[in-house]
Amino acid sequence: SFICLVTNKKPAQASITKVKQFEGSTSFVRRTQWMLEQLRQVNGIDPNRDSPEFDLLFENAFDQWVASTASEKCTFFQVLHHTCQRYLTDKKPEFINCQSKIMGGKSI
């Protein structure tokens, strides 16, 4: 699972946190965390298939992710895209191999 966090401090800081929930537990454990400005590319892997897999390329890291469902992946991409547009003024990440429905019908 994953979380996109935005602080309420000024200026706002956004981060992407990868968390894991172990079987039988209701709590989540933080695995890794990156600042939003470190994100360089979001790769949906296959725009022609509903799949939960995707890759995120950061400034100094490549990470493979799997959402619980393809729908959860779509929601995460929508939130991530919106957050990037709102909080990143300079270099915004590239979204590739993503279904057009993810960005509200725009082809990306």
PDB file of N, CA and C in Angstrom:
ATOM      1  N   SER A   1       0.840  -1.176   0.000  1.00  0.00           N
ATOM      2  CA  SER A   1       0.000   0.000   0.000  1.00  0.00           C
ATOM      3  C   SER A   1       0.883   1.235   0.000  1.00  0.00           C
ATOM      4  N   PHE A   2       0.257   2.365  -0.199  1.00  0.00           N
ATOM      5  CA  PHE A   2       1.016   3.588  -0.317  1.00  0.00           C
ATOM      6  C   PHE A   2       0.198   4.749   0.173  1.00  0.00           C
ATOM      7  N   ILE A   3       0.875   5.815   0.527  1.00  0.00           N
ATOM      8  CA  ILE A   3       0.238   7.004   1.048  1.00  0.00           C
ATOM      9  C   ILE A   3       0.936   8.204   0.430  1.00  0.00           C
ATOM     10  N   CYS A   4       0.158   9.191   0.057  1.00  0.00           N
ATOM     11  CA  CYS A   4       0.718  10.458  -0.399  1.00  0.00           C
ATOM     12  C   CYS A   4       0.389  11.478   0.691  1.00  0.00           C
ATOM     13  N   LEU A   5       1.401  11.991   1.373  1.00  0.00           N
ATOM     14  CA  LEU A   5       1.207  12.892   2.500  1.00  0.00           C
ATOM     15  C   LEU A   5       1.611  14.309   2.134  1.00  0.00           C
ATOM     16  N   VAL A   6       0.832  15.275   2.596  1.00  0.00           N
ATOM     17  CA  VAL A   6       1.157  16.686   2.412  1.00  0.00           C
ATOM     18  C   VAL A   6       1.077  17.340   3.779  1.00  0.00           C
ATOM     19  N   THR A   7       2.151  18.050   4.163  1.00  0.00           N
ATOM     20  CA  THR A   7       2.148  18.735   5.456  1.00  0.00           C
ATOM     21  C   THR A   7       1.313  20.007   5.358  1.00  0.00           C
ATOM     22  N   ASN A   8       0.915  20.527   6.502  1.00  0.00           N
ATOM     23  CA  ASN A   8       0.193  21.800   6.507  1.00  0.00           C
ATOM     24  C   ASN A   8       1.120  22.959   6.850  1.00  0.00           C
ATOM     25  N   LYS A   9       2.424  22.687   6.863  1.00  0.00           N
ATOM     26  CA  LYS A   9       3.404  23.744   7.101  1.00  0.00           C
ATOM     27  C   LYS A   9       3.502  24.616   5.853  1.00  0.00           C
ATOM     28  N   LYS A  10       4.063  25.808   6.023  1.00  0.00           N
ATOM     29  CA  LYS A  10       4.300  26.689   4.885  1.00  0.00           C
ATOM     30  C   LYS A  10       5.798  26.781   4.658  1.00  0.00           C
ATOM     31  N   PRO A  11       6.344  26.518   3.499  1.00  0.00           N
ATOM     32  CA  PRO A  11       5.625  25.950   2.356  1.00  0.00           C
ATOM     33  C   PRO A  11       5.300  24.470   2.595  1.00  0.00           C
ATOM     34  N   ALA A  12       4.247  24.011   1.957  1.00  0.00           N
ATOM     35  CA  ALA A  12       3.812  22.623   2.109  1.00  0.00           C
ATOM     36  C   ALA A  12       4.872  21.684   1.554  1.00  0.00           C
ATOM     37  N   GLN A  13       5.017  20.529   2.189  1.00  0.00           N
ATOM     38  CA  GLN A  13       5.927  19.503   1.705  1.00  0.00           C
ATOM     39  C   GLN A  13       5.124  18.239   1.464  1.00  0.00           C
ATOM     40  N   ALA A  14       5.334  17.613   0.320  1.00  0.00           N
ATOM     41  CA  ALA A  14       4.613  16.392  -0.015  1.00  0.00           C
ATOM     42  C   ALA A  14       5.595  15.237  -0.106  1.00  0.00           C
ATOM     43  N   SER A  15       5.147  14.074   0.363  1.00  0.00           N
ATOM     44  CA  SER A  15       5.995  12.890   0.291  1.00  0.00           C
ATOM     45  C   SER A  15       5.161  11.683  -0.118  1.00  0.00           C
ATOM     46  N   ILE A  16       5.849  10.687  -0.637  1.00  0.00           N
ATOM     47  CA  ILE A  16       5.235   9.420  -1.011  1.00  0.00           C
ATOM     48  C   ILE A  16       5.811   8.374  -0.072  1.00  0.00           C
ATOM     49  N   THR A  17       4.945   7.656   0.608  1.00  0.00           N
ATOM     50  CA  THR A  17       5.378   6.661   1.582  1.00  0.00           C
ATOM     51  C   THR A  17       4.840   5.300   1.204  1.00  0.00           C
ATOM     52  N   LYS A  18       5.716   4.324   1.133  1.00  0.00           N
ATOM     53  CA  LYS A  18       5.325   2.942   0.872  1.00  0.00           C
ATOM     54  C   LYS A  18       5.167   2.248   2.217  1.00  0.00           C
ATOM     55  N   VAL A  19       3.991   1.676   2.446  1.00  0.00           N
ATOM     56  CA  VAL A  19       3.717   0.998   3.711  1.00  0.00           C
ATOM     57  C   VAL A  19       3.317  -0.445   3.446  1.00  0.00           C
ATOM     58  N   LYS A  20       3.465  -1.269   4.472  1.00  0.00           N
ATOM     59  CA  LYS A  20       3.097  -2.678   4.376  1.00  0.00           C
ATOM     60  C   LYS A  20       2.220  -3.030   5.557  1.00  0.00           C
ATOM     61  N   GLN A  21       1.163  -3.788   5.263  1.00  0.00           N
ATOM     62  CA  GLN A  21       0.308  -4.303   6.323  1.00  0.00           C
ATOM     63  C   GLN A  21       0.509  -5.806   6.377  1.00  0.00           C
ATOM     64  N   PHE A  22       0.949  -6.278   7.521  1.00  0.00           N
ATOM     65  CA  PHE A  22       1.203  -7.700   7.671  1.00  0.00           C
ATOM     66  C   PHE A  22      -0.095  -8.439   7.962  1.00  0.00           C
ATOM     67  N   GLU A  23      -0.169  -9.667   7.498  1.00  0.00           N
ATOM     68  CA  GLU A  23      -1.365 -10.479   7.669  1.00  0.00           C
ATOM     69  C   GLU A  23      -1.728 -10.590   9.145  1.00  0.00           C
ATOM     70  N   GLY A  24      -3.005 -10.369   9.439  1.00  0.00           N
ATOM     71  CA  GLY A  24      -3.483 -10.466  10.809  1.00  0.00           C
ATOM     72  C   GLY A  24      -3.305  -9.194  11.619  1.00  0.00           C
ATOM     73  N   SER A  25      -2.730  -8.158  11.018  1.00  0.00           N
ATOM     74  CA  SER A  25      -2.493  -6.907  11.726  1.00  0.00           C
ATOM     75  C   SER A  25      -3.375  -5.807  11.146  1.00  0.00           C
ATOM     76  N   THR A  26      -3.770  -4.860  11.986  1.00  0.00           N
ATOM     77  CA  THR A  26      -4.552  -3.725  11.510  1.00  0.00           C
ATOM     78  C   THR A  26      -3.682  -2.494  11.295  1.00  0.00           C
ATOM     79  N   SER A  27      -2.426  -2.562  11.706  1.00  0.00           N
ATOM     80  CA  SER A  27      -1.539  -1.414  11.568  1.00  0.00           C
ATOM     81  C   SER A  27      -0.636  -1.564  10.340  1.00  0.00           C
ATOM     82  N   PHE A  28      -0.063  -0.443   9.934  1.00  0.00           N
ATOM     83  CA  PHE A  28       0.832  -0.395   8.791  1.00  0.00           C
ATOM     84  C   PHE A  28       2.244  -0.062   9.268  1.00  0.00           C
ATOM     85  N   VAL A  29       3.226  -0.590   8.556  1.00  0.00           N
ATOM     86  CA  VAL A  29       4.630  -0.324   8.854  1.00  0.00           C
ATOM     87  C   VAL A  29       5.224   0.430   7.669  1.00  0.00           C
ATOM     88  N   ARG A  30       5.886   1.560   7.949  1.00  0.00           N
ATOM     89  CA  ARG A  30       6.508   2.332   6.880  1.00  0.00           C
ATOM     90  C   ARG A  30       7.713   1.576   6.345  1.00  0.00           C
ATOM     91  N   ARG A  31       7.765   1.412   5.015  1.00  0.00           N
ATOM     92  CA  ARG A  31       8.874   0.717   4.365  1.00  0.00           C
ATOM     93  C   ARG A  31       9.888   1.720   3.813  1.00  0.00           C
ATOM     94  N   THR A  32       9.431   2.623   2.963  1.00  0.00           N
ATOM     95  CA  THR A  32      10.316   3.621   2.360  1.00  0.00           C
ATOM     96  C   THR A  32       9.537   4.916   2.168  1.00  0.00           C
ATOM     97  N   GLN A  33      10.276   6.018   2.064  1.00  0.00           N
ATOM     98  CA  GLN A  33       9.635   7.318   1.873  1.00  0.00           C
ATOM     99  C   GLN A  33      10.511   8.207   1.007  1.00  0.00           C
ATOM    100  N   TRP A  34       9.874   8.935   0.091  1.00  0.00           N
ATOM    101  CA  TRP A  34      10.559   9.880  -0.782  1.00  0.00           C
ATOM    102  C   TRP A  34       9.804  11.199  -0.770  1.00  0.00           C
ATOM    103  N   MET A  35      10.522  12.269  -0.987  1.00  0.00           N
ATOM    104  CA  MET A  35       9.888  13.570  -1.158  1.00  0.00           C
ATOM    105  C   MET A  35       9.333  13.632  -2.577  1.00  0.00           C
ATOM    106  N   LEU A  36       8.222  14.309  -2.748  1.00  0.00           N
ATOM    107  CA  LEU A  36       7.557  14.369  -4.046  1.00  0.00           C
ATOM    108  C   LEU A  36       8.482  14.925  -5.133  1.00  0.00           C
ATOM    109  N   GLU A  37       9.311  15.904  -4.783  1.00  0.00           N
ATOM    110  CA  GLU A  37      10.192  16.498  -5.797  1.00  0.00           C
ATOM    111  C   GLU A  37      11.273  15.533  -6.279  1.00  0.00           C
ATOM    112  N   GLN A  38      11.458  14.396  -5.607  1.00  0.00           N
ATOM    113  CA  GLN A  38      12.409  13.383  -6.070  1.00  0.00           C
ATOM    114  C   GLN A  38      11.809  12.481  -7.152  1.00  0.00           C
ATOM    115  N   LEU A  39      10.494  12.520  -7.329  1.00  0.00           N
ATOM    116  CA  LEU A  39       9.820  11.668  -8.308  1.00  0.00           C
ATOM    117  C   LEU A  39      10.102  12.159  -9.726  1.00  0.00           C
ATOM    118  N   ARG A  40      10.612  11.273 -10.567  1.00  0.00           N
ATOM    119  CA  ARG A  40      10.938  11.620 -11.954  1.00  0.00           C
ATOM    120  C   ARG A  40       9.973  11.010 -12.970  1.00  0.00           C
ATOM    121  N   GLN A  41       9.475   9.795 -12.674  1.00  0.00           N
ATOM    122  CA  GLN A  41       8.624   9.122 -13.659  1.00  0.00           C
ATOM    123  C   GLN A  41       7.653   8.173 -12.958  1.00  0.00           C
ATOM    124  N   VAL A  42       6.422   8.149 -13.469  1.00  0.00           N
ATOM    125  CA  VAL A  42       5.393   7.205 -13.041  1.00  0.00           C
ATOM    126  C   VAL A  42       5.093   6.341 -14.253  1.00  0.00           C
ATOM    127  N   ASN A  43       5.312   5.026 -14.126  1.00  0.00           N
ATOM    128  CA  ASN A  43       5.137   4.115 -15.257  1.00  0.00           C
ATOM    129  C   ASN A  43       4.008   3.136 -14.940  1.00  0.00           C
ATOM    130  N   GLY A  44       2.894   3.274 -15.657  1.00  0.00           N
ATOM    131  CA  GLY A  44       1.742   2.392 -15.469  1.00  0.00           C
ATOM    132  C   GLY A  44       1.935   1.014 -16.072  1.00  0.00           C
ATOM    133  N   ILE A  45       3.040   0.784 -16.737  1.00  0.00           N
ATOM    134  CA  ILE A  45       3.499  -0.474 -17.330  1.00  0.00           C
ATOM    135  C   ILE A  45       2.711  -0.882 -18.580  1.00  0.00           C
ATOM    136  N   ASP A  46       1.379  -0.978 -18.502  1.00  0.00           N
ATOM    137  CA  ASP A  46       0.592  -1.398 -19.671  1.00  0.00           C
ATOM    138  C   ASP A  46      -0.722  -0.629 -19.728  1.00  0.00           C
ATOM    139  N   PRO A  47      -0.818   0.361 -20.635  1.00  0.00           N
ATOM    140  CA  PRO A  47      -2.034   1.167 -20.707  1.00  0.00           C
ATOM    141  C   PRO A  47      -3.236   0.401 -21.272  1.00  0.00           C
ATOM    142  N   ASN A  48      -3.009  -0.779 -21.816  1.00  0.00           N
ATOM    143  CA  ASN A  48      -4.090  -1.548 -22.442  1.00  0.00           C
ATOM    144  C   ASN A  48      -4.663  -2.630 -21.533  1.00  0.00           C
ATOM    145  N   ARG A  49      -4.211  -2.654 -20.294  1.00  0.00           N
ATOM    146  CA  ARG A  49      -4.652  -3.714 -19.387  1.00  0.00           C
ATOM    147  C   ARG A  49      -4.832  -3.142 -17.979  1.00  0.00           C
ATOM    148  N   ASP A  50      -5.931  -3.529 -17.335  1.00  0.00           N
ATOM    149  CA  ASP A  50      -6.137  -3.140 -15.942  1.00  0.00           C
ATOM    150  C   ASP A  50      -5.282  -4.041 -15.060  1.00  0.00           C
ATOM    151  N   SER A  51      -4.188  -3.500 -14.574  1.00  0.00           N
ATOM    152  CA  SER A  51      -3.310  -4.290 -13.698  1.00  0.00           C
ATOM    153  C   SER A  51      -2.893  -3.431 -12.515  1.00  0.00           C
ATOM    154  N   PRO A  52      -2.611  -4.047 -11.382  1.00  0.00           N
ATOM    155  CA  PRO A  52      -2.229  -3.272 -10.196  1.00  0.00           C
ATOM    156  C   PRO A  52      -0.745  -2.896 -10.141  1.00  0.00           C
ATOM    157  N   GLU A  53       0.055  -3.403 -11.072  1.00  0.00           N
ATOM    158  CA  GLU A  53       1.496  -3.151 -11.032  1.00  0.00           C
ATOM    159  C   GLU A  53       1.841  -1.793 -11.635  1.00  0.00           C
ATOM    160  N   PHE A  54       2.855  -1.149 -11.047  1.00  0.00           N
ATOM    161  CA  PHE A  54       3.397   0.080 -11.614  1.00  0.00           C
ATOM    162  C   PHE A  54       4.786   0.319 -11.047  1.00  0.00           C
ATOM    163  N   ASP A  55       5.524   1.188 -11.698  1.00  0.00           N
ATOM    164  CA  ASP A  55       6.881   1.522 -11.278  1.00  0.00           C
ATOM    165  C   ASP A  55       6.981   3.015 -11.015  1.00  0.00           C
ATOM    166  N   LEU A  56       7.769   3.377 -10.029  1.00  0.00           N
ATOM    167  CA  LEU A  56       8.075   4.775  -9.755  1.00  0.00           C
ATOM    168  C   LEU A  56       9.584   4.948  -9.827  1.00  0.00           C
ATOM    169  N   LEU A  57      10.014   5.932 -10.590  1.00  0.00           N
ATOM    170  CA  LEU A  57      11.427   6.255 -10.722  1.00  0.00           C
ATOM    171  C   LEU A  57      11.681   7.554  -9.967  1.00  0.00           C
ATOM    172  N   PHE A  58      12.571   7.472  -8.995  1.00  0.00           N
ATOM    173  CA  PHE A  58      12.923   8.635  -8.197  1.00  0.00           C
ATOM    174  C   PHE A  58      14.313   9.105  -8.597  1.00  0.00           C
ATOM    175  N   GLU A  59      14.731  10.225  -8.057  1.00  0.00           N
ATOM    176  CA  GLU A  59      16.024  10.826  -8.359  1.00  0.00           C
ATOM    177  C   GLU A  59      17.162   9.810  -8.276  1.00  0.00           C
ATOM    178  N   ASN A  60      17.188   9.013  -7.223  1.00  0.00           N
ATOM    179  CA  ASN A  60      18.281   8.055  -7.045  1.00  0.00           C
ATOM    180  C   ASN A  60      17.786   6.643  -6.775  1.00  0.00           C
ATOM    181  N   ALA A  61      16.571   6.332  -7.206  1.00  0.00           N
ATOM    182  CA  ALA A  61      16.028   5.007  -6.920  1.00  0.00           C
ATOM    183  C   ALA A  61      14.937   4.626  -7.914  1.00  0.00           C
ATOM    184  N   PHE A  62      14.812   3.335  -8.133  1.00  0.00           N
ATOM    185  CA  PHE A  62      13.741   2.762  -8.942  1.00  0.00           C
ATOM    186  C   PHE A  62      12.996   1.804  -8.034  1.00  0.00           C
ATOM    187  N   ASP A  63      11.667   1.878  -8.013  1.00  0.00           N
ATOM    188  CA  ASP A  63      10.908   1.041  -7.100  1.00  0.00           C
ATOM    189  C   ASP A  63       9.689   0.455  -7.802  1.00  0.00           C
ATOM    190  N   GLN A  64       9.509  -0.856  -7.671  1.00  0.00           N
ATOM    191  CA  GLN A  64       8.349  -1.541  -8.233  1.00  0.00           C
ATOM    192  C   GLN A  64       7.259  -1.613  -7.178  1.00  0.00           C
ATOM    193  N   TRP A  65       6.024  -1.331  -7.602  1.00  0.00           N
ATOM    194  CA  TRP A  65       4.893  -1.276  -6.681  1.00  0.00           C
ATOM    195  C   TRP A  65       3.777  -2.171  -7.200  1.00  0.00           C
ATOM    196  N   VAL A  66       2.931  -2.632  -6.275  1.00  0.00           N
ATOM    197  CA  VAL A  66       1.721  -3.362  -6.631  1.00  0.00           C
ATOM    198  C   VAL A  66       0.608  -2.846  -5.727  1.00  0.00           C
ATOM    199  N   ALA A  67      -0.428  -2.285  -6.332  1.00  0.00           N
ATOM    200  CA  ALA A  67      -1.585  -1.832  -5.575  1.00  0.00           C
ATOM    201  C   ALA A  67      -2.453  -3.042  -5.234  1.00  0.00           C
ATOM    202  N   SER A  68      -3.385  -2.867  -4.324  1.00  0.00           N
ATOM    203  CA  SER A  68      -4.296  -3.959  -3.981  1.00  0.00           C
ATOM    204  C   SER A  68      -5.162  -4.348  -5.172  1.00  0.00           C
ATOM    205  N   THR A  69      -5.562  -3.333  -5.956  1.00  0.00           N
ATOM    206  CA  THR A  69      -6.390  -3.564  -7.139  1.00  0.00           C
ATOM    207  C   THR A  69      -5.996  -2.564  -8.227  1.00  0.00           C
ATOM    208  N   ALA A  70      -6.435  -2.827  -9.450  1.00  0.00           N
ATOM    209  CA  ALA A  70      -6.194  -1.881 -10.547  1.00  0.00           C
ATOM    210  C   ALA A  70      -6.919  -0.563 -10.271  1.00  0.00           C
ATOM    211  N   SER A  71      -8.069  -0.644  -9.639  1.00  0.00           N
ATOM    212  CA  SER A  71      -8.834   0.554  -9.295  1.00  0.00           C
ATOM    213  C   SER A  71      -8.087   1.409  -8.274  1.00  0.00           C
ATOM    214  N   GLU A  72      -7.456   0.766  -7.295  1.00  0.00           N
ATOM    215  CA  GLU A  72      -6.668   1.494  -6.295  1.00  0.00           C
ATOM    216  C   GLU A  72      -5.473   2.180  -6.967  1.00  0.00           C
ATOM    217  N   LYS A  73      -4.852   1.514  -7.910  1.00  0.00           N
ATOM    218  CA  LYS A  73      -3.735   2.098  -8.667  1.00  0.00           C
ATOM    219  C   LYS A  73      -4.219   3.341  -9.413  1.00  0.00           C
ATOM    220  N   CYS A  74      -5.366   3.252 -10.048  1.00  0.00           N
ATOM    221  CA  CYS A  74      -5.936   4.374 -10.797  1.00  0.00           C
ATOM    222  C   CYS A  74      -6.182   5.564  -9.871  1.00  0.00           C
ATOM    223  N   THR A  75      -6.760   5.313  -8.712  1.00  0.00           N
ATOM    224  CA  THR A  75      -7.030   6.376  -7.740  1.00  0.00           C
ATOM    225  C   THR A  75      -5.727   7.007  -7.261  1.00  0.00           C
ATOM    226  N   PHE A  76      -4.719   6.173  -6.971  1.00  0.00           N
ATOM    227  CA  PHE A  76      -3.423   6.687  -6.537  1.00  0.00           C
ATOM    228  C   PHE A  76      -2.802   7.570  -7.613  1.00  0.00           C
ATOM    229  N   PHE A  77      -2.850   7.146  -8.879  1.00  0.00           N
ATOM    230  CA  PHE A  77      -2.301   7.945  -9.972  1.00  0.00           C
ATOM    231  C   PHE A  77      -3.016   9.286 -10.076  1.00  0.00           C
ATOM    232  N   GLN A  78      -4.336   9.282  -9.925  1.00  0.00           N
ATOM    233  CA  GLN A  78      -5.095  10.532 -10.002  1.00  0.00           C
ATOM    234  C   GLN A  78      -4.684  11.485  -8.892  1.00  0.00           C
ATOM    235  N   VAL A  79      -4.582  10.972  -7.664  1.00  0.00           N
ATOM    236  CA  VAL A  79      -4.174  11.795  -6.526  1.00  0.00           C
ATOM    237  C   VAL A  79      -2.735  12.272  -6.707  1.00  0.00           C
ATOM    238  N   LEU A  80      -1.859  11.377  -7.155  1.00  0.00           N
ATOM    239  CA  LEU A  80      -0.456  11.720  -7.355  1.00  0.00           C
ATOM    240  C   LEU A  80      -0.302  12.792  -8.433  1.00  0.00           C
ATOM    241  N   HIS A  81      -1.007  12.641  -9.535  1.00  0.00           N
ATOM    242  CA  HIS A  81      -0.941  13.632 -10.619  1.00  0.00           C
ATOM    243  C   HIS A  81      -1.421  14.995 -10.120  1.00  0.00           C
ATOM    244  N   HIS A  82      -2.546  15.012  -9.428  1.00  0.00           N
ATOM    245  CA  HIS A  82      -3.087  16.265  -8.895  1.00  0.00           C
ATOM    246  C   HIS A  82      -2.110  16.901  -7.898  1.00  0.00           C
ATOM    247  N   THR A  83      -1.530  16.086  -7.036  1.00  0.00           N
ATOM    248  CA  THR A  83      -0.594  16.588  -6.038  1.00  0.00           C
ATOM    249  C   THR A  83       0.649  17.174  -6.704  1.00  0.00           C
ATOM    250  N   CYS A  84       1.142  16.506  -7.742  1.00  0.00           N
ATOM    251  CA  CYS A  84       2.310  17.024  -8.487  1.00  0.00           C
ATOM    252  C   CYS A  84       1.982  18.366  -9.134  1.00  0.00           C
ATOM    253  N   GLN A  85       0.800  18.475  -9.747  1.00  0.00           N
ATOM    254  CA  GLN A  85       0.411  19.719 -10.402  1.00  0.00           C
ATOM    255  C   GLN A  85       0.279  20.856  -9.388  1.00  0.00           C
ATOM    256  N   ARG A  86      -0.178  20.527  -8.204  1.00  0.00           N
ATOM    257  CA  ARG A  86      -0.420  21.550  -7.187  1.00  0.00           C
ATOM    258  C   ARG A  86       0.844  21.980  -6.449  1.00  0.00           C
ATOM    259  N   TYR A  87       1.726  21.035  -6.128  1.00  0.00           N
ATOM    260  CA  TYR A  87       2.841  21.341  -5.243  1.00  0.00           C
ATOM    261  C   TYR A  87       4.205  21.423  -5.908  1.00  0.00           C
ATOM    262  N   LEU A  88       4.342  20.942  -7.122  1.00  0.00           N
ATOM    263  CA  LEU A  88       5.642  21.025  -7.793  1.00  0.00           C
ATOM    264  C   LEU A  88       5.616  22.177  -8.788  1.00  0.00           C
ATOM    265  N   THR A  89       6.486  23.135  -8.582  1.00  0.00           N
ATOM    266  CA  THR A  89       6.509  24.291  -9.474  1.00  0.00           C
ATOM    267  C   THR A  89       7.526  24.112 -10.600  1.00  0.00           C
ATOM    268  N   ASP A  90       8.581  23.383 -10.324  1.00  0.00           N
ATOM    269  CA  ASP A  90       9.629  23.226 -11.325  1.00  0.00           C
ATOM    270  C   ASP A  90       9.442  21.955 -12.138  1.00  0.00           C
ATOM    271  N   LYS A  91      10.242  20.984 -11.875  1.00  0.00           N
ATOM    272  CA  LYS A  91      10.265  19.746 -12.658  1.00  0.00           C
ATOM    273  C   LYS A  91       9.173  18.779 -12.194  1.00  0.00           C
ATOM    274  N   LYS A  92       8.189  18.562 -13.057  1.00  0.00           N
ATOM    275  CA  LYS A  92       7.113  17.629 -12.742  1.00  0.00           C
ATOM    276  C   LYS A  92       7.449  16.256 -13.327  1.00  0.00           C
ATOM    277  N   PRO A  93       7.043  15.173 -12.667  1.00  0.00           N
ATOM    278  CA  PRO A  93       7.364  13.835 -13.175  1.00  0.00           C
ATOM    279  C   PRO A  93       6.606  13.516 -14.457  1.00  0.00           C
ATOM    280  N   GLU A  94       7.177  12.620 -15.218  1.00  0.00           N
ATOM    281  CA  GLU A  94       6.584  12.141 -16.461  1.00  0.00           C
ATOM    282  C   GLU A  94       5.676  10.949 -16.129  1.00  0.00           C
ATOM    283  N   PHE A  95       4.458  10.952 -16.643  1.00  0.00           N
ATOM    284  CA  PHE A  95       3.530   9.831 -16.497  1.00  0.00           C
ATOM    285  C   PHE A  95       3.507   9.096 -17.821  1.00  0.00           C
ATOM    286  N   ILE A  96       3.969   7.832 -17.836  1.00  0.00           N
ATOM    287  CA  ILE A  96       4.012   7.061 -19.078  1.00  0.00           C
ATOM    288  C   ILE A  96       3.236   5.750 -18.904  1.00  0.00           C
ATOM    289  N   ASN A  97       2.793   5.207 -20.035  1.00  0.00           N
ATOM    290  CA  ASN A  97       2.075   3.930 -20.055  1.00  0.00           C
ATOM    291  C   ASN A  97       0.890   3.918 -19.091  1.00  0.00           C
ATOM    292  N   CYS A  98       0.197   5.041 -19.010  1.00  0.00           N
ATOM    293  CA  CYS A  98      -0.961   5.163 -18.124  1.00  0.00           C
ATOM    294  C   CYS A  98      -2.228   5.242 -18.968  1.00  0.00           C
ATOM    295  N   GLN A  99      -3.293   4.643 -18.465  1.00  0.00           N
ATOM    296  CA  GLN A  99      -4.575   4.699 -19.159  1.00  0.00           C
ATOM    297  C   GLN A  99      -5.095   6.126 -19.143  1.00  0.00           C
ATOM    298  N   SER A 100      -5.720   6.548 -20.242  1.00  0.00           N
ATOM    299  CA  SER A 100      -6.196   7.923 -20.342  1.00  0.00           C
ATOM    300  C   SER A 100      -7.237   8.259 -19.285  1.00  0.00           C
ATOM    301  N   LYS A 101      -8.010   7.265 -18.825  1.00  0.00           N
ATOM    302  CA  LYS A 101      -9.029   7.540 -17.807  1.00  0.00           C
ATOM    303  C   LYS A 101      -8.425   8.000 -16.484  1.00  0.00           C
ATOM    304  N   ILE A 102      -7.181   7.684 -16.279  1.00  0.00           N
ATOM    305  CA  ILE A 102      -6.519   8.047 -15.020  1.00  0.00           C
ATOM    306  C   ILE A 102      -6.415   9.553 -14.873  1.00  0.00           C
ATOM    307  N   MET A 103      -6.177  10.258 -15.964  1.00  0.00           N
ATOM    308  CA  MET A 103      -6.031  11.705 -15.905  1.00  0.00           C
ATOM    309  C   MET A 103      -7.260  12.418 -16.445  1.00  0.00           C
ATOM    310  N   GLY A 104      -8.408  11.823 -16.253  1.00  0.00           N
ATOM    311  CA  GLY A 104      -9.643  12.458 -16.661  1.00  0.00           C
ATOM    312  C   GLY A 104      -9.845  12.503 -18.169  1.00  0.00           C
ATOM    313  N   GLY A 105      -9.353  11.477 -18.864  1.00  0.00           N
ATOM    314  CA  GLY A 105      -9.585  11.370 -20.303  1.00  0.00           C
ATOM    315  C   GLY A 105      -8.449  11.911 -21.143  1.00  0.00           C
ATOM    316  N   LYS A 106      -7.496  12.612 -20.533  1.00  0.00           N
ATOM    317  CA  LYS A 106      -6.359  13.131 -21.295  1.00  0.00           C
ATOM    318  C   LYS A 106      -5.438  11.968 -21.632  1.00  0.00           C
ATOM    319  N   SER A 107      -4.900  11.971 -22.818  1.00  0.00           N
ATOM    320  CA  SER A 107      -3.961  10.921 -23.210  1.00  0.00           C
ATOM    321  C   SER A 107      -2.592  11.292 -22.677  1.00  0.00           C
ATOM    322  N   ILE A 108      -2.002  10.375 -21.909  1.00  0.00           N
ATOM    323  CA  ILE A 108      -0.676  10.664 -21.354  1.00  0.00           C
ATOM    324  C   ILE A 108       0.270   9.521 -21.647  1.00  0.00           C
TER     325      ILE A 108
END
